[in-house]
PDB file of N, CA and C in Angstrom:
ATOM      1  N   UNK A   1       0.628  -0.907   0.164  1.00  0.00           N
ATOM      2  CA  UNK A   1      -0.254   0.388  -0.199  1.00  0.00           C
ATOM      3  C   UNK A   1       1.167   1.271   0.206  1.00  0.00           C
ATOM      4  N   UNK A   2       0.401   2.331  -1.131  1.00  0.00           N
ATOM      5  CA  UNK A   2       1.585   3.446  -1.158  1.00  0.00           C
ATOM      6  C   UNK A   2       0.749   4.452   0.096  1.00  0.00           C
ATOM      7  N   UNK A   3       1.263   5.340   0.890  1.00  0.00           N
ATOM      8  CA  UNK A   3       0.512   6.007   1.659  1.00  0.00           C
ATOM      9  C   UNK A   3       2.126   7.331   1.729  1.00  0.00           C
ATOM     10  N   UNK A   4       1.307   8.430   1.737  1.00  0.00           N
ATOM     11  CA  UNK A   4       2.002   9.693   1.483  1.00  0.00           C
ATOM     12  C   UNK A   4       1.222  10.704   1.683  1.00  0.00           C
ATOM     13  N   UNK A   5       1.768  11.835   1.887  1.00  0.00           N
ATOM     14  CA  UNK A   5       1.103  13.325   2.101  1.00  0.00           C
ATOM     15  C   UNK A   5       1.498  14.719   1.758  1.00  0.00           C
ATOM     16  N   UNK A   6       0.930  15.496   1.334  1.00  0.00           N
ATOM     17  CA  UNK A   6       1.461  16.401   0.588  1.00  0.00           C
ATOM     18  C   UNK A   6       0.246  17.526   1.433  1.00  0.00           C
ATOM     19  N   UNK A   7       0.933  18.696   0.809  1.00  0.00           N
ATOM     20  CA  UNK A   7      -0.165  20.350   0.927  1.00  0.00           C
ATOM     21  C   UNK A   7      -1.025  20.068  -0.388  1.00  0.00           C
ATOM     22  N   UNK A   8      -2.439  20.420   0.043  1.00  0.00           N
ATOM     23  CA  UNK A   8      -3.097  20.652  -1.122  1.00  0.00           C
ATOM     24  C   UNK A   8      -4.170  22.225  -0.894  1.00  0.00           C
ATOM     25  N   UNK A   9      -4.682  22.613  -2.077  1.00  0.00           N
ATOM     26  CA  UNK A   9      -5.512  23.877  -2.067  1.00  0.00           C
ATOM     27  C   UNK A   9      -6.717  23.056  -1.662  1.00  0.00           C
ATOM     28  N   UNK A  10      -7.786  23.071  -0.285  1.00  0.00           N
ATOM     29  CA  UNK A  10      -8.490  22.987  -0.140  1.00  0.00           C
ATOM     30  C   UNK A  10      -9.966  23.697  -0.371  1.00  0.00           C
ATOM     31  N   UNK A  11     -10.972  23.514  -0.813  1.00  0.00           N
ATOM     32  CA  UNK A  11     -11.983  24.319  -0.725  1.00  0.00           C
ATOM     33  C   UNK A  11     -13.572  23.902  -0.051  1.00  0.00           C
ATOM     34  N   UNK A  12     -13.955  24.621   0.551  1.00  0.00           N
ATOM     35  CA  UNK A  12     -15.185  24.239   1.651  1.00  0.00           C
ATOM     36  C   UNK A  12     -16.365  25.347   1.506  1.00  0.00           C
ATOM     37  N   UNK A  13     -17.587  24.509   0.644  1.00  0.00           N
ATOM     38  CA  UNK A  13     -18.592  25.429   0.592  1.00  0.00           C
ATOM     39  C   UNK A  13     -19.355  25.162   1.875  1.00  0.00           C
ATOM     40  N   UNK A  14     -19.783  26.098   3.024  1.00  0.00           N
ATOM     41  CA  UNK A  14     -20.228  26.266   4.054  1.00  0.00           C
ATOM     42  C   UNK A  14     -21.848  26.167   3.609  1.00  0.00           C
ATOM     43  N   UNK A  15     -22.595  25.938   4.911  1.00  0.00           N
ATOM     44  CA  UNK A  15     -24.041  25.912   4.849  1.00  0.00           C
ATOM     45  C   UNK A  15     -24.882  26.950   4.566  1.00  0.00           C
ATOM     46  N   UNK A  16     -23.739  28.086   5.095  1.00  0.00           N
ATOM     47  CA  UNK A  16     -24.154  29.501   5.196  1.00  0.00           C
ATOM     48  C   UNK A  16     -23.748  30.293   4.335  1.00  0.00           C
ATOM     49  N   UNK A  17     -23.806  29.166   2.863  1.00  0.00           N
ATOM     50  CA  UNK A  17     -23.337  29.987   1.602  1.00  0.00           C
ATOM     51  C   UNK A  17     -21.526  30.935   1.283  1.00  0.00           C
ATOM     52  N   UNK A  18     -21.182  30.865   2.621  1.00  0.00           N
ATOM     53  CA  UNK A  18     -19.656  31.011   2.202  1.00  0.00           C
ATOM     54  C   UNK A  18     -18.849  30.252   1.921  1.00  0.00           C
ATOM     55  N   UNK A  19     -17.708  30.546   1.269  1.00  0.00           N
ATOM     56  CA  UNK A  19     -16.730  29.618   0.747  1.00  0.00           C
ATOM     57  C   UNK A  19     -15.718  29.654   1.409  1.00  0.00           C
ATOM     58  N   UNK A  20     -14.791  28.952   1.287  1.00  0.00           N
ATOM     59  CA  UNK A  20     -13.202  29.098   1.888  1.00  0.00           C
ATOM     60  C   UNK A  20     -12.188  28.204   1.217  1.00  0.00           C
ATOM     61  N   UNK A  21     -11.129  28.860   1.179  1.00  0.00           N
ATOM     62  CA  UNK A  21      -9.748  28.387   0.969  1.00  0.00           C
ATOM     63  C   UNK A  21      -8.801  27.895   1.545  1.00  0.00           C
ATOM     64  N   UNK A  22      -8.107  26.965   2.075  1.00  0.00           N
ATOM     65  CA  UNK A  22      -7.242  26.562   2.925  1.00  0.00           C
ATOM     66  C   UNK A  22      -5.817  25.768   2.052  1.00  0.00           C
ATOM     67  N   UNK A  23      -4.961  25.932   2.690  1.00  0.00           N
ATOM     68  CA  UNK A  23      -3.712  25.328   2.727  1.00  0.00           C
ATOM     69  C   UNK A  23      -3.549  24.021   3.681  1.00  0.00           C
ATOM     70  N   UNK A  24      -4.181  22.597   3.222  1.00  0.00           N
ATOM     71  CA  UNK A  24      -4.161  21.935   4.533  1.00  0.00           C
ATOM     72  C   UNK A  24      -2.894  20.217   3.708  1.00  0.00           C
ATOM     73  N   UNK A  25      -2.835  19.305   5.068  1.00  0.00           N
ATOM     74  CA  UNK A  25      -2.228  18.409   4.624  1.00  0.00           C
ATOM     75  C   UNK A  25      -3.100  17.746   4.265  1.00  0.00           C
ATOM     76  N   UNK A  26      -3.212  16.874   3.259  1.00  0.00           N
ATOM     77  CA  UNK A  26      -4.319  15.747   2.600  1.00  0.00           C
ATOM     78  C   UNK A  26      -3.590  14.269   2.333  1.00  0.00           C
ATOM     79  N   UNK A  27      -3.753  13.113   3.050  1.00  0.00           N
ATOM     80  CA  UNK A  27      -2.837  11.888   3.054  1.00  0.00           C
ATOM     81  C   UNK A  27      -3.841  11.479   2.495  1.00  0.00           C
ATOM     82  N   UNK A  28      -2.809  10.430   1.552  1.00  0.00           N
ATOM     83  CA  UNK A  28      -3.297   9.794   0.286  1.00  0.00           C
ATOM     84  C   UNK A  28      -2.531   8.103   0.635  1.00  0.00           C
ATOM     85  N   UNK A  29      -3.785   7.218   0.285  1.00  0.00           N
ATOM     86  CA  UNK A  29      -3.472   5.862   0.163  1.00  0.00           C
ATOM     87  C   UNK A  29      -3.643   5.075  -1.232  1.00  0.00           C
ATOM     88  N   UNK A  30      -2.674   4.648  -2.149  1.00  0.00           N
ATOM     89  CA  UNK A  30      -2.773   4.340  -3.562  1.00  0.00           C
ATOM     90  C   UNK A  30      -3.030   5.258  -4.171  1.00  0.00           C
ATOM     91  N   UNK A  31      -2.288   6.823  -4.188  1.00  0.00           N
ATOM     92  CA  UNK A  31      -2.694   7.586  -4.839  1.00  0.00           C
ATOM     93  C   UNK A  31      -4.221   8.356  -4.533  1.00  0.00           C
ATOM     94  N   UNK A  32      -5.072   7.978  -3.969  1.00  0.00           N
ATOM     95  CA  UNK A  32      -6.570   8.397  -3.239  1.00  0.00           C
ATOM     96  C   UNK A  32      -6.279   9.428  -2.194  1.00  0.00           C
ATOM     97  N   UNK A  33      -6.576  10.902  -2.376  1.00  0.00           N
ATOM     98  CA  UNK A  33      -6.670  11.436  -1.101  1.00  0.00           C
ATOM     99  C   UNK A  33      -7.817  10.839  -0.081  1.00  0.00           C
ATOM    100  N   UNK A  34      -7.281  10.177   1.093  1.00  0.00           N
ATOM    101  CA  UNK A  34      -8.376   9.802   2.256  1.00  0.00           C
ATOM    102  C   UNK A  34      -8.656  10.665   3.258  1.00  0.00           C
ATOM    103  N   UNK A  35      -8.073  11.148   3.806  1.00  0.00           N
ATOM    104  CA  UNK A  35      -8.147  12.459   4.985  1.00  0.00           C
ATOM    105  C   UNK A  35      -7.184  13.336   4.813  1.00  0.00           C
ATOM    106  N   UNK A  36      -7.757  14.547   5.321  1.00  0.00           N
ATOM    107  CA  UNK A  36      -6.603  16.118   5.423  1.00  0.00           C
ATOM    108  C   UNK A  36      -6.827  16.427   7.240  1.00  0.00           C
ATOM    109  N   UNK A  37      -5.681  17.588   7.663  1.00  0.00           N
ATOM    110  CA  UNK A  37      -6.177  18.075   8.778  1.00  0.00           C
ATOM    111  C   UNK A  37      -6.469  19.502   7.967  1.00  0.00           C
ATOM    112  N   UNK A  38      -7.632  19.856   9.298  1.00  0.00           N
ATOM    113  CA  UNK A  38      -8.204  20.615   8.770  1.00  0.00           C
ATOM    114  C   UNK A  38      -8.186  21.894  10.027  1.00  0.00           C
ATOM    115  N   UNK A  39      -7.891  23.275  10.068  1.00  0.00           N
ATOM    116  CA  UNK A  39      -7.520  24.205  11.069  1.00  0.00           C
ATOM    117  C   UNK A  39      -6.362  24.186  11.496  1.00  0.00           C
ATOM    118  N   UNK A  40      -5.177  23.260  11.242  1.00  0.00           N
ATOM    119  CA  UNK A  40      -3.486  23.547  11.697  1.00  0.00           C
ATOM    120  C   UNK A  40      -2.735  24.605  10.584  1.00  0.00           C
ATOM    121  N   UNK A  41      -2.270  25.325  11.790  1.00  0.00           N
ATOM    122  CA  UNK A  41      -1.191  26.280  10.869  1.00  0.00           C
ATOM    123  C   UNK A  41      -0.036  25.077  10.080  1.00  0.00           C
ATOM    124  N   UNK A  42       0.022  25.281   9.320  1.00  0.00           N
ATOM    125  CA  UNK A  42       0.788  24.625   8.136  1.00  0.00           C
ATOM    126  C   UNK A  42       2.283  25.571   7.778  1.00  0.00           C
ATOM    127  N   UNK A  43       2.439  26.618   8.331  1.00  0.00           N
ATOM    128  CA  UNK A  43       3.644  26.752   8.256  1.00  0.00           C
ATOM    129  C   UNK A  43       4.169  27.400   9.708  1.00  0.00           C
ATOM    130  N   UNK A  44       5.305  26.450   9.966  1.00  0.00           N
ATOM    131  CA  UNK A  44       6.046  26.736  11.284  1.00  0.00           C
ATOM    132  C   UNK A  44       6.994  25.294  10.834  1.00  0.00           C
ATOM    133  N   UNK A  45       8.083  26.324  11.751  1.00  0.00           N
ATOM    134  CA  UNK A  45       9.465  25.238  11.280  1.00  0.00           C
ATOM    135  C   UNK A  45      10.355  25.534  12.687  1.00  0.00           C
ATOM    136  N   UNK A  46      11.815  25.183  12.570  1.00  0.00           N
ATOM    137  CA  UNK A  46      12.425  25.174  13.361  1.00  0.00           C
ATOM    138  C   UNK A  46      13.824  26.327  13.169  1.00  0.00           C
ATOM    139  N   UNK A  47      13.794  27.145  12.014  1.00  0.00           N
ATOM    140  CA  UNK A  47      14.006  28.259  11.814  1.00  0.00           C
ATOM    141  C   UNK A  47      13.555  28.964  10.724  1.00  0.00           C
ATOM    142  N   UNK A  48      14.265  30.109  10.369  1.00  0.00           N
ATOM    143  CA  UNK A  48      13.719  31.285   9.238  1.00  0.00           C
ATOM    144  C   UNK A  48      13.934  30.266   7.929  1.00  0.00           C
ATOM    145  N   UNK A  49      15.530  29.830   7.689  1.00  0.00           N
ATOM    146  CA  UNK A  49      15.842  28.709   6.871  1.00  0.00           C
ATOM    147  C   UNK A  49      14.663  27.698   6.460  1.00  0.00           C
ATOM    148  N   UNK A  50      14.190  27.071   7.774  1.00  0.00           N
ATOM    149  CA  UNK A  50      13.273  26.103   7.663  1.00  0.00           C
ATOM    150  C   UNK A  50      12.105  26.375   7.184  1.00  0.00           C
ATOM    151  N   UNK A  51      11.669  27.740   7.497  1.00  0.00           N
ATOM    152  CA  UNK A  51      10.257  28.116   7.276  1.00  0.00           C
ATOM    153  C   UNK A  51      10.615  28.377   5.320  1.00  0.00           C
ATOM    154  N   UNK A  52      11.725  28.930   5.286  1.00  0.00           N
ATOM    155  CA  UNK A  52      11.820  29.136   3.631  1.00  0.00           C
ATOM    156  C   UNK A  52      11.722  27.878   3.116  1.00  0.00           C
ATOM    157  N   UNK A  53      12.462  27.021   3.042  1.00  0.00           N
ATOM    158  CA  UNK A  53      12.399  25.560   2.473  1.00  0.00           C
ATOM    159  C   UNK A  53      11.395  24.809   2.530  1.00  0.00           C
ATOM    160  N   UNK A  54      10.268  25.223   4.067  1.00  0.00           N
ATOM    161  CA  UNK A  54       8.913  24.579   3.599  1.00  0.00           C
ATOM    162  C   UNK A  54       7.998  25.246   2.621  1.00  0.00           C
ATOM    163  N   UNK A  55       8.272  26.764   2.689  1.00  0.00           N
ATOM    164  CA  UNK A  55       7.011  27.418   1.465  1.00  0.00           C
ATOM    165  C   UNK A  55       7.531  27.231   0.607  1.00  0.00           C
ATOM    166  N   UNK A  56       8.810  27.284  -0.107  1.00  0.00           N
ATOM    167  CA  UNK A  56       9.552  26.858  -1.362  1.00  0.00           C
ATOM    168  C   UNK A  56       9.609  25.652  -2.032  1.00  0.00           C
ATOM    169  N   UNK A  57       9.370  24.270  -1.293  1.00  0.00           N
ATOM    170  CA  UNK A  57       9.442  23.108  -1.518  1.00  0.00           C
ATOM    171  C   UNK A  57       8.396  21.885  -1.147  1.00  0.00           C
ATOM    172  N   UNK A  58       7.593  23.012  -0.262  1.00  0.00           N
ATOM    173  CA  UNK A  58       5.982  22.664   0.179  1.00  0.00           C
ATOM    174  C   UNK A  58       4.726  22.971  -0.116  1.00  0.00           C
ATOM    175  N   UNK A  59       4.882  24.161   0.448  1.00  0.00           N
ATOM    176  CA  UNK A  59       3.341  24.471   0.228  1.00  0.00           C
ATOM    177  C   UNK A  59       3.128  25.274  -1.011  1.00  0.00           C
ATOM    178  N   UNK A  60       4.386  25.640  -1.711  1.00  0.00           N
ATOM    179  CA  UNK A  60       3.935  26.202  -3.156  1.00  0.00           C
ATOM    180  C   UNK A  60       3.596  25.632  -4.011  1.00  0.00           C
ATOM    181  N   UNK A  61       3.929  24.159  -3.956  1.00  0.00           N
ATOM    182  CA  UNK A  61       3.467  23.175  -5.026  1.00  0.00           C
ATOM    183  C   UNK A  61       2.437  22.578  -4.693  1.00  0.00           C
ATOM    184  N   UNK A  62       1.364  23.100  -3.761  1.00  0.00           N
ATOM    185  CA  UNK A  62      -0.182  22.891  -3.574  1.00  0.00           C
ATOM    186  C   UNK A  62      -0.884  23.873  -4.521  1.00  0.00           C
ATOM    187  N   UNK A  63       0.004  24.842  -5.264  1.00  0.00           N
ATOM    188  CA  UNK A  63      -0.869  25.727  -5.861  1.00  0.00           C
ATOM    189  C   UNK A  63      -0.667  25.284  -7.372  1.00  0.00           C
ATOM    190  N   UNK A  64       0.443  24.194  -7.525  1.00  0.00           N
ATOM    191  CA  UNK A  64       0.349  23.381  -9.162  1.00  0.00           C
ATOM    192  C   UNK A  64      -0.460  22.491  -9.289  1.00  0.00           C
ATOM    193  N   UNK A  65      -1.307  21.909  -8.350  1.00  0.00           N
ATOM    194  CA  UNK A  65      -2.521  20.697  -8.304  1.00  0.00           C
ATOM    195  C   UNK A  65      -3.821  21.241  -8.230  1.00  0.00           C
ATOM    196  N   UNK A  66      -4.419  20.407  -9.049  1.00  0.00           N
ATOM    197  CA  UNK A  66      -6.592  20.793  -8.669  1.00  0.00           C
ATOM    198  C   UNK A  66      -6.461  21.130  -6.995  1.00  0.00           C
ATOM    199  N   UNK A  67      -7.660  21.966  -7.143  1.00  0.00           N
ATOM    200  CA  UNK A  67      -8.231  22.134  -6.107  1.00  0.00           C
ATOM    201  C   UNK A  67      -8.808  20.880  -5.698  1.00  0.00           C
ATOM    202  N   UNK A  68      -8.717  20.726  -4.092  1.00  0.00           N
ATOM    203  CA  UNK A  68      -9.494  19.601  -3.713  1.00  0.00           C
ATOM    204  C   UNK A  68     -10.755  19.975  -2.901  1.00  0.00           C
ATOM    205  N   UNK A  69     -11.877  19.964  -3.185  1.00  0.00           N
ATOM    206  CA  UNK A  69     -13.308  20.170  -2.669  1.00  0.00           C
ATOM    207  C   UNK A  69     -13.465  18.994  -1.488  1.00  0.00           C
ATOM    208  N   UNK A  70     -14.335  19.790  -0.122  1.00  0.00           N
ATOM    209  CA  UNK A  70     -14.584  18.812   0.892  1.00  0.00           C
ATOM    210  C   UNK A  70     -15.913  18.675   0.778  1.00  0.00           C
ATOM    211  N   UNK A  71     -16.554  17.377   0.346  1.00  0.00           N
ATOM    212  CA  UNK A  71     -17.738  16.961   0.120  1.00  0.00           C
ATOM    213  C   UNK A  71     -18.689  16.509   1.127  1.00  0.00           C
ATOM    214  N   UNK A  72     -19.776  16.742   1.127  1.00  0.00           N
ATOM    215  CA  UNK A  72     -20.607  17.107   2.502  1.00  0.00           C
ATOM    216  C   UNK A  72     -20.831  17.800   3.772  1.00  0.00           C
ATOM    217  N   UNK A  73     -20.689  16.501   4.397  1.00  0.00           N
ATOM    218  CA  UNK A  73     -20.495  16.988   5.848  1.00  0.00           C
ATOM    219  C   UNK A  73     -18.821  16.243   6.013  1.00  0.00           C
ATOM    220  N   UNK A  74     -17.965  16.662   5.104  1.00  0.00           N
ATOM    221  CA  UNK A  74     -16.539  15.666   5.413  1.00  0.00           C
ATOM    222  C   UNK A  74     -16.368  14.852   5.177  1.00  0.00           C
ATOM    223  N   UNK A  75     -17.070  14.173   4.173  1.00  0.00           N
ATOM    224  CA  UNK A  75     -16.812  12.688   3.699  1.00  0.00           C
ATOM    225  C   UNK A  75     -16.071  12.503   3.224  1.00  0.00           C
ATOM    226  N   UNK A  76     -15.279  12.955   2.301  1.00  0.00           N
ATOM    227  CA  UNK A  76     -14.175  13.046   1.346  1.00  0.00           C
ATOM    228  C   UNK A  76     -13.551  14.033   0.443  1.00  0.00           C
ATOM    229  N   UNK A  77     -13.011  13.973  -0.540  1.00  0.00           N
ATOM    230  CA  UNK A  77     -12.285  14.903  -1.346  1.00  0.00           C
ATOM    231  C   UNK A  77     -12.679  14.519  -3.005  1.00  0.00           C
ATOM    232  N   UNK A  78     -12.611  15.347  -4.015  1.00  0.00           N
ATOM    233  CA  UNK A  78     -12.921  15.368  -5.364  1.00  0.00           C
ATOM    234  C   UNK A  78     -12.007  16.668  -5.850  1.00  0.00           C
ATOM    235  N   UNK A  79     -11.566  16.396  -6.794  1.00  0.00           N
ATOM    236  CA  UNK A  79     -10.779  17.334  -7.488  1.00  0.00           C
ATOM    237  C   UNK A  79     -11.703  18.188  -8.296  1.00  0.00           C
ATOM    238  N   UNK A  80     -11.590  19.562  -8.030  1.00  0.00           N
ATOM    239  CA  UNK A  80     -12.331  20.693  -8.549  1.00  0.00           C
ATOM    240  C   UNK A  80     -11.914  21.085  -9.968  1.00  0.00           C
ATOM    241  N   UNK A  81     -13.009  20.999 -11.132  1.00  0.00           N
ATOM    242  CA  UNK A  81     -12.585  21.261 -12.581  1.00  0.00           C
ATOM    243  C   UNK A  81     -12.676  22.975 -12.559  1.00  0.00           C
ATOM    244  N   UNK A  82     -11.928  23.544 -12.932  1.00  0.00           N
ATOM    245  CA  UNK A  82     -11.714  24.828 -12.783  1.00  0.00           C
ATOM    246  C   UNK A  82     -11.519  24.889 -14.481  1.00  0.00           C
TER     247      UNK A  82
END
């Protein structure tokens, strides 16, 4: 079983009509997104250099992939066709 994680842009349509976008950790099994971390500070590190590396080598890569939308009451993720 192939398991990994990366940062992705997630979209959430809230019941009150608001829409939010967040950069979140997304976890995969066999290349299928299975779970995510919501509301976690994704940019933290041990030094300024570490923060810069994380930004350039992890977080900015999230914008190279399609947005993932959270389905219903957090049941799953699907790619948004933009």
